[in-house]
Amino acid sequence: GVFAVASGGIHVWHMPALVAIFGDDSVLQFGGGTHGHPWGSAAGAAANRVALEACVKARNAGREIEKESRDILMEAG
């Protein structure tokens, strides 16, 4: 199969738009957006995972993730 890939300059705050655009069948490559987390790479990876799960859950619950992006991410954090 073929997957869409988002890469380069993306970080946790882009997650709602990425989930809305690419859906579930995609590859999201967070490099600098993970390693640039102020608490280190492990915290950046955890933040990405939490944000992804929150966005997918919100989308599946019928929320408009692009319009509600800030609220969704703040609720997850």
C-alpha atoms as a PDB file:
ATOM      1  CA  GLY A   1       0.000   0.000   0.000  1.00  0.00           C
ATOM      2  CA  VAL A   2       0.839   3.640  -0.127  1.00  0.00           C
ATOM      3  CA  PHE A   3       0.755   6.066   2.773  1.00  0.00           C
ATOM      4  CA  ALA A   4       0.741   9.842   2.823  1.00  0.00           C
ATOM      5  CA  VAL A   5       3.734  11.276   4.701  1.00  0.00           C
ATOM      6  CA  ALA A   6       3.959  14.542   6.610  1.00  0.00           C
ATOM      7  CA  SER A   7       7.503  15.539   7.498  1.00  0.00           C
ATOM      8  CA  GLY A   8       9.662  18.577   8.077  1.00  0.00           C
ATOM      9  CA  GLY A   9       8.937  21.373  10.498  1.00  0.00           C
ATOM     10  CA  ILE A  10       5.893  19.765  12.077  1.00  0.00           C
ATOM     11  CA  HIS A  11       5.203  19.704  15.796  1.00  0.00           C
ATOM     12  CA  VAL A  12       2.460  18.827  18.263  1.00  0.00           C
ATOM     13  CA  TRP A  13       0.370  21.932  17.518  1.00  0.00           C
ATOM     14  CA  HIS A  14       0.048  20.787  13.893  1.00  0.00           C
ATOM     15  CA  MET A  15      -1.542  17.485  14.971  1.00  0.00           C
ATOM     16  CA  PRO A  16      -5.228  18.465  14.585  1.00  0.00           C
ATOM     17  CA  ALA A  17      -4.715  19.647  11.004  1.00  0.00           C
ATOM     18  CA  LEU A  18      -2.590  16.611  10.139  1.00  0.00           C
ATOM     19  CA  VAL A  19      -5.212  14.196  11.456  1.00  0.00           C
ATOM     20  CA  ALA A  20      -7.963  16.096   9.615  1.00  0.00           C
ATOM     21  CA  ILE A  21      -6.014  16.148   6.346  1.00  0.00           C
ATOM     22  CA  PHE A  22      -4.366  12.715   6.308  1.00  0.00           C
ATOM     23  CA  GLY A  23      -6.643  10.594   8.507  1.00  0.00           C
ATOM     24  CA  ASP A  24      -5.474   7.284   9.926  1.00  0.00           C
ATOM     25  CA  ASP A  25      -3.514   5.915   6.976  1.00  0.00           C
ATOM     26  CA  SER A  26      -0.490   8.176   7.123  1.00  0.00           C
ATOM     27  CA  VAL A  27       3.033   8.510   8.455  1.00  0.00           C
ATOM     28  CA  LEU A  28       3.785  11.538  10.621  1.00  0.00           C
ATOM     29  CA  GLN A  29       7.532  12.132  10.992  1.00  0.00           C
ATOM     30  CA  PHE A  30       8.260  14.436  13.903  1.00  0.00           C
ATOM     31  CA  GLY A  31      11.999  15.080  14.084  1.00  0.00           C
ATOM     32  CA  GLY A  32      12.929  18.504  15.360  1.00  0.00           C
ATOM     33  CA  GLY A  33       9.420  18.955  16.716  1.00  0.00           C
ATOM     34  CA  THR A  34      10.091  16.053  19.080  1.00  0.00           C
ATOM     35  CA  HIS A  35      13.715  16.742  19.947  1.00  0.00           C
ATOM     36  CA  GLY A  36      13.025  20.454  20.392  1.00  0.00           C
ATOM     37  CA  HIS A  37      10.652  19.913  23.313  1.00  0.00           C
ATOM     38  CA  PRO A  38      11.854  22.012  26.280  1.00  0.00           C
ATOM     39  CA  TRP A  39      11.888  18.917  28.527  1.00  0.00           C
ATOM     40  CA  GLY A  40      13.765  16.735  26.054  1.00  0.00           C
ATOM     41  CA  SER A  41      13.141  14.165  23.360  1.00  0.00           C
ATOM     42  CA  ALA A  42      11.244  11.671  25.521  1.00  0.00           C
ATOM     43  CA  ALA A  43       8.794  14.361  26.613  1.00  0.00           C
ATOM     44  CA  GLY A  44       8.435  15.469  22.990  1.00  0.00           C
ATOM     45  CA  ALA A  45       7.624  11.926  21.894  1.00  0.00           C
ATOM     46  CA  ALA A  46       5.094  11.579  24.707  1.00  0.00           C
ATOM     47  CA  ALA A  47       3.488  14.910  23.774  1.00  0.00           C
ATOM     48  CA  ASN A  48       3.137  13.769  20.157  1.00  0.00           C
ATOM     49  CA  ARG A  49       1.481  10.520  21.205  1.00  0.00           C
ATOM     50  CA  VAL A  50      -0.912  12.223  23.626  1.00  0.00           C
ATOM     51  CA  ALA A  51      -1.861  14.811  20.994  1.00  0.00           C
ATOM     52  CA  LEU A  52      -2.416  12.157  18.317  1.00  0.00           C
ATOM     53  CA  GLU A  53      -4.637  10.063  20.577  1.00  0.00           C
ATOM     54  CA  ALA A  54      -6.616  13.140  21.667  1.00  0.00           C
ATOM     55  CA  CYS A  55      -7.184  14.263  18.079  1.00  0.00           C
ATOM     56  CA  VAL A  56      -8.279  10.833  16.865  1.00  0.00           C
ATOM     57  CA  LYS A  57     -10.588  10.418  19.857  1.00  0.00           C
ATOM     58  CA  ALA A  58     -12.092  13.897  19.319  1.00  0.00           C
ATOM     59  CA  ARG A  59     -12.565  13.266  15.596  1.00  0.00           C
ATOM     60  CA  ASN A  60     -14.215   9.910  16.272  1.00  0.00           C
ATOM     61  CA  ALA A  61     -16.531  11.632  18.780  1.00  0.00           C
ATOM     62  CA  GLY A  62     -17.683  14.001  16.044  1.00  0.00           C
ATOM     63  CA  ARG A  63     -15.781  17.103  17.125  1.00  0.00           C
ATOM     64  CA  GLU A  64     -14.473  19.533  14.514  1.00  0.00           C
ATOM     65  CA  ILE A  65     -10.808  19.060  15.293  1.00  0.00           C
ATOM     66  CA  GLU A  66      -9.478  21.903  13.173  1.00  0.00           C
ATOM     67  CA  LYS A  67     -11.886  24.447  14.676  1.00  0.00           C
ATOM     68  CA  GLU A  68     -11.493  23.093  18.215  1.00  0.00           C
ATOM     69  CA  SER A  69      -7.780  22.296  17.962  1.00  0.00           C
ATOM     70  CA  ARG A  70      -6.571  24.445  20.854  1.00  0.00           C
ATOM     71  CA  ASP A  71      -9.246  23.151  23.234  1.00  0.00           C
ATOM     72  CA  ILE A  72      -8.629  19.530  22.247  1.00  0.00           C
ATOM     73  CA  LEU A  73      -4.880  19.790  22.800  1.00  0.00           C
ATOM     74  CA  MET A  74      -5.203  21.741  26.047  1.00  0.00           C
ATOM     75  CA  GLU A  75      -7.691  19.183  27.408  1.00  0.00           C
ATOM     76  CA  ALA A  76      -5.232  16.405  26.546  1.00  0.00           C
ATOM     77  CA  GLY A  77      -2.258  18.078  28.220  1.00  0.00           C
END
